[in-house]
PDB file of N, CA and C in Angstrom:
ATOM      1  N   VAL A   1     -29.616 147.588 296.871  1.00  0.00           N
ATOM      2  CA  VAL A   1     -28.301 147.271 297.341  1.00  0.00           C
ATOM      3  C   VAL A   1     -28.452 146.803 298.733  1.00  0.00           C
ATOM      4  N   THR A   2     -27.898 145.970 298.990  1.00  0.00           N
ATOM      5  CA  THR A   2     -27.775 145.472 300.563  1.00  0.00           C
ATOM      6  C   THR A   2     -26.213 144.686 300.922  1.00  0.00           C
ATOM      7  N   GLY A   3     -25.752 145.769 301.945  1.00  0.00           N
ATOM      8  CA  GLY A   3     -24.447 145.264 302.355  1.00  0.00           C
ATOM      9  C   GLY A   3     -24.617 144.473 303.503  1.00  0.00           C
ATOM     10  N   ALA A   4     -23.583 143.700 304.038  1.00  0.00           N
ATOM     11  CA  ALA A   4     -23.770 142.436 304.499  1.00  0.00           C
ATOM     12  C   ALA A   4     -22.264 142.117 305.424  1.00  0.00           C
ATOM     13  N   SER A   5     -22.458 141.602 306.572  1.00  0.00           N
ATOM     14  CA  SER A   5     -20.923 141.303 307.146  1.00  0.00           C
ATOM     15  C   SER A   5     -20.606 140.057 306.721  1.00  0.00           C
ATOM     16  N   PHE A   6     -21.457 139.165 306.324  1.00  0.00           N
ATOM     17  CA  PHE A   6     -21.233 137.869 305.899  1.00  0.00           C
ATOM     18  C   PHE A   6     -22.016 137.244 304.887  1.00  0.00           C
ATOM     19  N   PHE A   7     -21.778 136.229 303.925  1.00  0.00           N
ATOM     20  CA  PHE A   7     -22.710 135.536 303.175  1.00  0.00           C
ATOM     21  C   PHE A   7     -22.729 134.102 303.428  1.00  0.00           C
ATOM     22  N   VAL A   8     -23.991 133.178 303.335  1.00  0.00           N
ATOM     23  CA  VAL A   8     -23.915 132.148 303.244  1.00  0.00           C
ATOM     24  C   VAL A   8     -24.428 131.518 302.147  1.00  0.00           C
ATOM     25  N   PHE A   9     -23.954 130.415 301.502  1.00  0.00           N
ATOM     26  CA  PHE A   9     -24.573 129.788 300.014  1.00  0.00           C
ATOM     27  C   PHE A   9     -24.666 128.430 300.201  1.00  0.00           C
ATOM     28  N   SER A  10     -25.882 128.131 300.462  1.00  0.00           N
ATOM     29  CA  SER A  10     -26.368 126.638 300.746  1.00  0.00           C
ATOM     30  C   SER A  10     -27.044 126.482 299.515  1.00  0.00           C
ATOM     31  N   GLY A  11     -26.538 125.229 299.002  1.00  0.00           N
ATOM     32  CA  GLY A  11     -26.686 124.562 297.885  1.00  0.00           C
ATOM     33  C   GLY A  11     -27.412 123.254 297.827  1.00  0.00           C
ATOM     34  N   ALA A  12     -28.428 123.542 299.012  1.00  0.00           N
ATOM     35  CA  ALA A  12     -29.507 122.379 299.375  1.00  0.00           C
ATOM     36  C   ALA A  12     -30.889 122.795 298.710  1.00  0.00           C
ATOM     37  N   LEU A  13     -31.526 123.620 298.000  1.00  0.00           N
ATOM     38  CA  LEU A  13     -32.275 124.122 297.621  1.00  0.00           C
ATOM     39  C   LEU A  13     -32.456 122.888 296.356  1.00  0.00           C
ATOM     40  N   LYS A  14     -33.903 122.396 296.564  1.00  0.00           N
ATOM     41  CA  LYS A  14     -34.142 121.523 295.470  1.00  0.00           C
ATOM     42  C   LYS A  14     -35.156 122.138 294.217  1.00  0.00           C
ATOM     43  N   ALA A  15     -34.664 121.382 292.942  1.00  0.00           N
ATOM     44  CA  ALA A  15     -34.966 121.575 291.653  1.00  0.00           C
ATOM     45  C   ALA A  15     -36.785 121.914 291.938  1.00  0.00           C
ATOM     46  N   SER A  16     -37.253 121.126 292.484  1.00  0.00           N
ATOM     47  CA  SER A  16     -38.501 121.075 292.695  1.00  0.00           C
ATOM     48  C   SER A  16     -39.389 121.685 293.747  1.00  0.00           C
ATOM     49  N   SER A  17     -38.659 122.364 294.388  1.00  0.00           N
ATOM     50  CA  SER A  17     -39.283 123.913 295.166  1.00  0.00           C
ATOM     51  C   SER A  17     -39.691 124.761 294.168  1.00  0.00           C
ATOM     52  N   GLY A  18     -39.596 124.836 292.834  1.00  0.00           N
ATOM     53  CA  GLY A  18     -40.395 126.244 292.408  1.00  0.00           C
ATOM     54  C   GLY A  18     -39.653 127.530 292.382  1.00  0.00           C
ATOM     55  N   PHE A  19     -38.393 127.483 293.017  1.00  0.00           N
ATOM     56  CA  PHE A  19     -37.589 128.543 293.254  1.00  0.00           C
ATOM     57  C   PHE A  19     -36.326 128.661 292.375  1.00  0.00           C
ATOM     58  N   LEU A  20     -35.680 129.384 291.603  1.00  0.00           N
ATOM     59  CA  LEU A  20     -34.300 129.620 291.007  1.00  0.00           C
ATOM     60  C   LEU A  20     -33.222 129.565 292.052  1.00  0.00           C
ATOM     61  N   ALA A  21     -33.931 130.366 293.210  1.00  0.00           N
ATOM     62  CA  ALA A  21     -32.930 130.746 294.363  1.00  0.00           C
ATOM     63  C   ALA A  21     -33.620 131.617 295.349  1.00  0.00           C
ATOM     64  N   LYS A  22     -33.015 131.451 296.573  1.00  0.00           N
ATOM     65  CA  LYS A  22     -33.905 132.431 297.754  1.00  0.00           C
ATOM     66  C   LYS A  22     -32.915 132.750 298.202  1.00  0.00           C
ATOM     67  N   SER A  23     -33.087 134.003 298.684  1.00  0.00           N
ATOM     68  CA  SER A  23     -31.808 134.941 299.629  1.00  0.00           C
ATOM     69  C   SER A  23     -33.235 135.633 300.703  1.00  0.00           C
ATOM     70  N   SER A  24     -32.090 135.490 302.235  1.00  0.00           N
ATOM     71  CA  SER A  24     -32.705 135.786 303.018  1.00  0.00           C
ATOM     72  C   SER A  24     -31.831 136.945 303.882  1.00  0.00           C
ATOM     73  N   ILE A  25     -32.206 137.565 304.855  1.00  0.00           N
ATOM     74  CA  ILE A  25     -31.517 138.250 305.516  1.00  0.00           C
ATOM     75  C   ILE A  25     -31.328 137.665 307.185  1.00  0.00           C
ATOM     76  N   VAL A  26     -30.337 137.284 307.471  1.00  0.00           N
ATOM     77  CA  VAL A  26     -29.735 136.531 308.695  1.00  0.00           C
ATOM     78  C   VAL A  26     -29.209 137.329 309.537  1.00  0.00           C
ATOM     79  N   GLU A  27     -29.476 137.805 310.792  1.00  0.00           N
ATOM     80  CA  GLU A  27     -28.494 138.646 311.701  1.00  0.00           C
ATOM     81  C   GLU A  27     -28.376 139.767 310.759  1.00  0.00           C
ATOM     82  N   ASP A  28     -26.670 140.276 310.568  1.00  0.00           N
ATOM     83  CA  ASP A  28     -26.389 140.895 309.723  1.00  0.00           C
ATOM     84  C   ASP A  28     -25.638 140.534 308.671  1.00  0.00           C
ATOM     85  N   GLY A  29     -26.026 139.155 308.147  1.00  0.00           N
ATOM     86  CA  GLY A  29     -25.604 138.913 307.020  1.00  0.00           C
ATOM     87  C   GLY A  29     -26.764 138.327 305.955  1.00  0.00           C
ATOM     88  N   VAL A  30     -25.989 137.687 304.821  1.00  0.00           N
ATOM     89  CA  VAL A  30     -27.210 137.107 303.804  1.00  0.00           C
ATOM     90  C   VAL A  30     -27.253 135.799 303.431  1.00  0.00           C
ATOM     91  N   MET A  31     -28.223 135.244 303.561  1.00  0.00           N
ATOM     92  CA  MET A  31     -28.356 133.684 303.183  1.00  0.00           C
ATOM     93  C   MET A  31     -28.776 133.550 301.814  1.00  0.00           C
ATOM     94  N   VAL A  32     -28.246 132.649 301.178  1.00  0.00           N
ATOM     95  CA  VAL A  32     -28.580 132.771 299.544  1.00  0.00           C
ATOM     96  C   VAL A  32     -28.630 131.229 299.628  1.00  0.00           C
ATOM     97  N   GLN A  33     -30.264 130.651 298.884  1.00  0.00           N
ATOM     98  CA  GLN A  33     -30.323 129.220 298.852  1.00  0.00           C
ATOM     99  C   GLN A  33     -29.966 128.855 297.459  1.00  0.00           C
ATOM    100  N   ILE A  34     -29.350 128.078 296.821  1.00  0.00           N
ATOM    101  CA  ILE A  34     -29.318 127.513 295.311  1.00  0.00           C
ATOM    102  C   ILE A  34     -29.455 126.125 295.232  1.00  0.00           C
ATOM    103  N   THR A  35     -29.562 125.463 293.789  1.00  0.00           N
ATOM    104  CA  THR A  35     -29.281 124.254 293.729  1.00  0.00           C
ATOM    105  C   THR A  35     -28.260 123.881 293.327  1.00  0.00           C
ATOM    106  N   ALA A  36     -28.028 122.682 293.531  1.00  0.00           N
ATOM    107  CA  ALA A  36     -26.760 121.922 293.700  1.00  0.00           C
ATOM    108  C   ALA A  36     -25.605 121.936 292.598  1.00  0.00           C
ATOM    109  N   GLU A  37     -26.596 122.191 291.446  1.00  0.00           N
ATOM    110  CA  GLU A  37     -25.817 122.464 290.365  1.00  0.00           C
ATOM    111  C   GLU A  37     -25.410 123.843 290.275  1.00  0.00           C
ATOM    112  N   ASN A  38     -26.130 124.970 290.604  1.00  0.00           N
ATOM    113  CA  ASN A  38     -25.633 126.449 290.710  1.00  0.00           C
ATOM    114  C   ASN A  38     -24.676 126.919 291.910  1.00  0.00           C
ATOM    115  N   MET A  39     -24.663 125.602 292.623  1.00  0.00           N
ATOM    116  CA  MET A  39     -23.294 125.679 293.606  1.00  0.00           C
ATOM    117  C   MET A  39     -22.169 125.395 292.907  1.00  0.00           C
ATOM    118  N   ASP A  40     -22.324 124.630 292.395  1.00  0.00           N
ATOM    119  CA  ASP A  40     -21.070 123.743 291.355  1.00  0.00           C
ATOM    120  C   ASP A  40     -20.561 125.091 290.414  1.00  0.00           C
ATOM    121  N   SER A  41     -21.727 125.812 289.831  1.00  0.00           N
ATOM    122  CA  SER A  41     -21.032 127.073 288.928  1.00  0.00           C
ATOM    123  C   SER A  41     -20.422 127.832 289.807  1.00  0.00           C
ATOM    124  N   LEU A  42     -21.147 128.170 291.149  1.00  0.00           N
ATOM    125  CA  LEU A  42     -20.650 129.152 291.950  1.00  0.00           C
ATOM    126  C   LEU A  42     -19.349 128.755 292.355  1.00  0.00           C
ATOM    127  N   ARG A  43     -18.781 127.746 292.658  1.00  0.00           N
ATOM    128  CA  ARG A  43     -17.708 127.434 293.230  1.00  0.00           C
ATOM    129  C   ARG A  43     -16.601 127.519 292.054  1.00  0.00           C
ATOM    130  N   GLN A  44     -16.971 126.930 290.622  1.00  0.00           N
ATOM    131  CA  GLN A  44     -16.005 127.187 289.781  1.00  0.00           C
ATOM    132  C   GLN A  44     -15.637 128.830 289.385  1.00  0.00           C
ATOM    133  N   ALA A  45     -16.451 129.627 289.308  1.00  0.00           N
ATOM    134  CA  ALA A  45     -16.620 131.032 289.575  1.00  0.00           C
ATOM    135  C   ALA A  45     -15.515 131.905 290.415  1.00  0.00           C
ATOM    136  N   LEU A  46     -15.575 131.103 292.012  1.00  0.00           N
ATOM    137  CA  LEU A  46     -14.834 131.737 292.817  1.00  0.00           C
ATOM    138  C   LEU A  46     -13.606 131.186 292.568  1.00  0.00           C
ATOM    139  N   ARG A  47     -13.253 130.329 292.184  1.00  0.00           N
ATOM    140  CA  ARG A  47     -11.827 129.489 291.594  1.00  0.00           C
ATOM    141  C   ARG A  47     -11.300 130.110 290.846  1.00  0.00           C
ATOM    142  N   GLU A  48     -12.114 130.517 289.889  1.00  0.00           N
ATOM    143  CA  GLU A  48     -11.288 131.362 288.252  1.00  0.00           C
ATOM    144  C   GLU A  48     -11.544 132.605 288.858  1.00  0.00           C
ATOM    145  N   MET A  49     -11.766 133.281 290.042  1.00  0.00           N
ATOM    146  CA  MET A  49     -12.050 134.451 290.274  1.00  0.00           C
ATOM    147  C   MET A  49     -13.040 135.368 289.542  1.00  0.00           C
ATOM    148  N   LYS A  50     -14.070 134.758 289.027  1.00  0.00           N
ATOM    149  CA  LYS A  50     -14.822 135.617 287.973  1.00  0.00           C
ATOM    150  C   LYS A  50     -16.355 135.807 288.467  1.00  0.00           C
ATOM    151  N   ASP A  51     -16.781 137.215 288.324  1.00  0.00           N
ATOM    152  CA  ASP A  51     -18.078 137.370 288.752  1.00  0.00           C
ATOM    153  C   ASP A  51     -19.115 136.535 288.380  1.00  0.00           C
ATOM    154  N   PHE A  52     -20.166 136.528 289.258  1.00  0.00           N
ATOM    155  CA  PHE A  52     -21.122 135.484 288.990  1.00  0.00           C
ATOM    156  C   PHE A  52     -22.151 136.221 289.553  1.00  0.00           C
ATOM    157  N   THR A  53     -23.761 135.956 288.887  1.00  0.00           N
ATOM    158  CA  THR A  53     -24.881 136.663 289.575  1.00  0.00           C
ATOM    159  C   THR A  53     -25.624 135.221 289.393  1.00  0.00           C
ATOM    160  N   ILE A  54     -26.558 135.539 290.674  1.00  0.00           N
ATOM    161  CA  ILE A  54     -27.577 134.199 290.700  1.00  0.00           C
ATOM    162  C   ILE A  54     -28.850 135.047 290.873  1.00  0.00           C
ATOM    163  N   THR A  55     -29.646 134.758 290.238  1.00  0.00           N
ATOM    164  CA  THR A  55     -31.037 135.372 290.152  1.00  0.00           C
ATOM    165  C   THR A  55     -32.277 134.399 290.941  1.00  0.00           C
ATOM    166  N   CYS A  56     -32.732 135.112 291.840  1.00  0.00           N
ATOM    167  CA  CYS A  56     -33.621 134.713 292.892  1.00  0.00           C
ATOM    168  C   CYS A  56     -34.992 135.100 292.276  1.00  0.00           C
ATOM    169  N   GLY A  57     -35.445 133.891 292.769  1.00  0.00           N
ATOM    170  CA  GLY A  57     -37.666 134.298 292.783  1.00  0.00           C
ATOM    171  C   GLY A  57     -37.928 132.726 292.184  1.00  0.00           C
ATOM    172  N   LYS A  58     -39.337 132.934 291.983  1.00  0.00           N
ATOM    173  CA  LYS A  58     -40.308 131.691 291.476  1.00  0.00           C
ATOM    174  C   LYS A  58     -39.328 131.505 289.862  1.00  0.00           C
ATOM    175  N   VAL A  59     -39.278 130.091 289.551  1.00  0.00           N
ATOM    176  CA  VAL A  59     -39.268 129.876 288.397  1.00  0.00           C
ATOM    177  C   VAL A  59     -40.314 130.354 287.155  1.00  0.00           C
ATOM    178  N   ASP A  60     -41.618 130.521 287.658  1.00  0.00           N
ATOM    179  CA  ASP A  60     -42.268 130.888 286.712  1.00  0.00           C
ATOM    180  C   ASP A  60     -42.586 132.698 286.846  1.00  0.00           C
ATOM    181  N   ALA A  61     -42.513 133.160 287.581  1.00  0.00           N
ATOM    182  CA  ALA A  61     -42.365 134.446 287.570  1.00  0.00           C
ATOM    183  C   ALA A  61     -41.911 135.161 286.200  1.00  0.00           C
ATOM    184  N   GLU A  62     -42.549 135.862 286.003  1.00  0.00           N
ATOM    185  CA  GLU A  62     -42.167 137.122 284.716  1.00  0.00           C
ATOM    186  C   GLU A  62     -41.009 137.876 284.811  1.00  0.00           C
ATOM    187  N   GLU A  63     -40.989 138.598 286.395  1.00  0.00           N
ATOM    188  CA  GLU A  63     -39.533 139.083 286.389  1.00  0.00           C
ATOM    189  C   GLU A  63     -39.249 138.414 287.703  1.00  0.00           C
ATOM    190  N   PRO A  64     -37.503 138.111 287.490  1.00  0.00           N
ATOM    191  CA  PRO A  64     -36.938 137.739 288.597  1.00  0.00           C
ATOM    192  C   PRO A  64     -37.335 139.102 290.002  1.00  0.00           C
ATOM    193  N   GLN A  65     -37.350 138.647 290.977  1.00  0.00           N
ATOM    194  CA  GLN A  65     -37.746 139.310 292.428  1.00  0.00           C
ATOM    195  C   GLN A  65     -36.158 139.896 292.445  1.00  0.00           C
ATOM    196  N   GLU A  66     -35.232 139.462 292.451  1.00  0.00           N
ATOM    197  CA  GLU A  66     -33.954 140.118 292.944  1.00  0.00           C
ATOM    198  C   GLU A  66     -32.845 139.097 292.631  1.00  0.00           C
ATOM    199  N   HIS A  67     -31.592 139.936 292.417  1.00  0.00           N
ATOM    200  CA  HIS A  67     -30.361 139.067 292.131  1.00  0.00           C
ATOM    201  C   HIS A  67     -29.110 139.316 292.710  1.00  0.00           C
ATOM    202  N   VAL A  68     -28.359 138.583 293.349  1.00  0.00           N
ATOM    203  CA  VAL A  68     -27.101 138.304 294.163  1.00  0.00           C
ATOM    204  C   VAL A  68     -26.044 138.354 293.064  1.00  0.00           C
ATOM    205  N   HIS A  69     -25.319 139.509 293.183  1.00  0.00           N
ATOM    206  CA  HIS A  69     -24.189 139.692 292.202  1.00  0.00           C
ATOM    207  C   HIS A  69     -23.048 139.464 293.066  1.00  0.00           C
ATOM    208  N   ILE A  70     -22.032 138.725 292.783  1.00  0.00           N
ATOM    209  CA  ILE A  70     -20.660 138.464 293.318  1.00  0.00           C
ATOM    210  C   ILE A  70     -19.820 139.004 292.338  1.00  0.00           C
ATOM    211  N   GLN A  71     -19.167 139.962 292.813  1.00  0.00           N
ATOM    212  CA  GLN A  71     -18.019 140.886 291.702  1.00  0.00           C
ATOM    213  C   GLN A  71     -16.622 140.749 292.771  1.00  0.00           C
ATOM    214  N   TRP A  72     -15.473 140.633 291.913  1.00  0.00           N
ATOM    215  CA  TRP A  72     -14.315 140.618 292.131  1.00  0.00           C
ATOM    216  C   TRP A  72     -13.783 142.201 292.047  1.00  0.00           C
ATOM    217  N   VAL A  73     -13.314 142.955 292.795  1.00  0.00           N
ATOM    218  CA  VAL A  73     -12.896 144.310 292.848  1.00  0.00           C
ATOM    219  C   VAL A  73     -11.283 144.541 292.991  1.00  0.00           C
ATOM    220  N   GLU A  74     -10.563 145.808 292.851  1.00  0.00           N
ATOM    221  CA  GLU A  74      -9.597 145.824 293.198  1.00  0.00           C
ATOM    222  C   GLU A  74      -9.179 145.699 294.956  1.00  0.00           C
ATOM    223  N   ASP A  75      -8.276 145.458 295.288  1.00  0.00           N
ATOM    224  CA  ASP A  75      -7.673 145.281 296.527  1.00  0.00           C
ATOM    225  C   ASP A  75      -7.612 146.631 296.877  1.00  0.00           C
ATOM    226  N   ASP A  76      -8.304 147.389 297.891  1.00  0.00           N
ATOM    227  CA  ASP A  76      -7.644 148.487 298.580  1.00  0.00           C
ATOM    228  C   ASP A  76      -7.215 148.048 299.887  1.00  0.00           C
ATOM    229  N   LYS A  77      -5.926 147.874 300.126  1.00  0.00           N
ATOM    230  CA  LYS A  77      -4.982 147.741 301.198  1.00  0.00           C
ATOM    231  C   LYS A  77      -5.144 149.053 302.440  1.00  0.00           C
ATOM    232  N   ASN A  78      -5.867 150.178 301.772  1.00  0.00           N
ATOM    233  CA  ASN A  78      -5.960 151.132 302.644  1.00  0.00           C
ATOM    234  C   ASN A  78      -7.134 151.404 303.585  1.00  0.00           C
ATOM    235  N   PHE A  79      -8.062 150.472 303.090  1.00  0.00           N
ATOM    236  CA  PHE A  79      -9.300 150.063 303.692  1.00  0.00           C
ATOM    237  C   PHE A  79      -9.069 149.486 305.182  1.00  0.00           C
ATOM    238  N   SER A  80      -9.988 150.598 306.252  1.00  0.00           N
ATOM    239  CA  SER A  80      -9.923 150.367 307.657  1.00  0.00           C
ATOM    240  C   SER A  80      -8.517 149.926 308.002  1.00  0.00           C
ATOM    241  N   LYS A  81      -7.584 150.662 307.683  1.00  0.00           N
ATOM    242  CA  LYS A  81      -6.110 150.797 307.952  1.00  0.00           C
ATOM    243  C   LYS A  81      -6.046 150.904 309.842  1.00  0.00           C
ATOM    244  N   GLY A  82      -5.640 150.181 310.229  1.00  0.00           N
ATOM    245  CA  GLY A  82      -5.214 150.520 311.866  1.00  0.00           C
ATOM    246  C   GLY A  82      -5.994 149.913 312.594  1.00  0.00           C
TER     247      GLY A  82
END
């Protein structure tokens, strides 16, 4: 599990790259590179406020290296109050 101050989602990953998706740590955030098709699905999930999972790693890998889970949670208005 990695906590981050920000996330950057890039839809510029080419399907011919051999990767499902790629993630990397940049400063105190995370950048996730996904295909344009996956970016369309992510946008739709965000509009509908639905959870979304991105599987990262090589296409031909037996097991994915990692997952990026976007989860909607209850709003806690008392967090960092003041």
